[in-house]
Amino acid sequence: MADSKKKRGKADRSRVSGSDPSEVRYFAKKNRMSPAAVRKLIKRVGNSRKKLEAAVKRMRAKKRGKKRKVRRRRRR
């Protein structure tokens, strides 16, 4: 679906529309996130699909790094 209701033509695949529930749901399911988290991410990063996917990748790497540090401290 087009991001702007006024523009008629092909759907813009390079963007994720935060106002379209089906696009938000698809992106959320694809990246194992909640739709609310996707909307927050769109507000923070923008609606470019490449930027959103890069931000998700950074978030996952950051979470993985934190988990590893905790495990290392507990082992003796």
Protein backbone atom coordinates (compact mmCIF):
# COMPACT_ATOMS: atom_id res chain seq x y z
CA MET A 1 0.00 0.00 0.00
CA ALA A 2 1.26 3.51 -0.73
CA ASP A 3 2.58 5.58 2.17
CA SER A 4 0.63 8.65 1.09
CA LYS A 5 -3.08 8.29 0.35
CA LYS A 6 -2.87 11.12 -2.21
CA LYS A 7 -0.20 9.45 -4.34
CA ARG A 8 -1.66 6.87 -6.66
CA GLY A 9 0.62 4.33 -8.26
CA LYS A 10 2.92 1.50 -7.31
CA ALA A 11 3.41 0.65 -3.65
CA ASP A 12 6.66 1.91 -2.19
CA ARG A 13 8.45 -1.25 -1.02
CA SER A 14 11.44 0.60 0.41
CA ARG A 15 9.36 2.16 3.21
CA VAL A 16 7.24 0.87 6.10
CA SER A 17 4.10 2.86 6.73
CA GLY A 18 3.55 3.33 10.47
CA SER A 19 -0.11 4.17 9.87
CA ASP A 20 -0.86 0.94 7.96
CA PRO A 21 -1.54 -1.86 10.48
CA SER A 22 -0.82 -4.64 7.97
CA GLU A 23 2.67 -3.30 7.18
CA VAL A 24 3.49 -2.82 10.86
CA ARG A 25 2.24 -6.33 11.67
CA TYR A 26 4.27 -7.87 8.83
CA PHE A 27 7.48 -6.10 9.88
CA ALA A 28 6.86 -7.04 13.52
CA LYS A 29 6.29 -10.70 12.71
CA LYS A 30 9.29 -10.83 10.37
CA ASN A 31 11.61 -9.42 13.06
CA ARG A 32 9.96 -11.10 16.09
CA MET A 33 8.87 -7.81 17.69
CA SER A 34 5.61 -6.37 18.93
CA PRO A 35 3.74 -3.93 16.68
CA ALA A 36 4.08 -1.25 19.40
CA ALA A 37 7.87 -1.69 19.37
CA VAL A 38 7.89 -1.35 15.57
CA ARG A 39 5.91 1.91 15.75
CA LYS A 40 8.38 3.29 18.33
CA LEU A 41 11.27 2.26 16.10
CA ILE A 42 9.66 3.97 13.08
CA LYS A 43 9.32 7.18 15.09
CA ARG A 44 12.93 6.99 16.26
CA VAL A 45 14.70 5.86 13.06
CA GLY A 46 12.30 6.79 10.25
CA ASN A 47 10.27 4.69 7.85
CA SER A 48 13.06 3.50 5.55
CA ARG A 49 13.05 -0.31 5.50
CA LYS A 50 16.87 -0.49 5.29
CA LYS A 51 17.32 1.80 8.30
CA LEU A 52 14.72 -0.12 10.31
CA GLU A 53 16.32 -3.49 9.57
CA ALA A 54 19.76 -2.11 10.49
CA ALA A 55 18.36 -0.76 13.77
CA VAL A 56 16.80 -4.15 14.60
CA LYS A 57 20.12 -5.85 13.85
CA ARG A 58 21.95 -3.42 16.18
CA MET A 59 19.38 -3.97 18.93
CA ARG A 60 19.76 -7.75 18.71
CA ALA A 61 23.57 -7.55 18.74
CA LYS A 62 23.43 -5.25 21.75
CA LYS A 63 21.12 -7.66 23.62
CA ARG A 64 23.34 -10.63 22.79
CA GLY A 65 26.42 -8.78 24.04
CA LYS A 66 24.75 -8.00 27.38
CA LYS A 67 23.72 -11.62 27.92
CA ARG A 68 27.23 -12.88 27.29
CA LYS A 69 28.77 -10.46 29.78
CA VAL A 70 26.36 -11.55 32.50
CA ARG A 71 27.15 -15.21 31.90
CA ARG A 72 30.89 -14.60 32.12
CA ARG A 73 30.62 -12.84 35.47
CA ARG A 74 28.63 -15.64 37.06
CA ARG A 75 31.06 -18.41 36.10
CA ARG A 76 34.06 -18.97 38.34
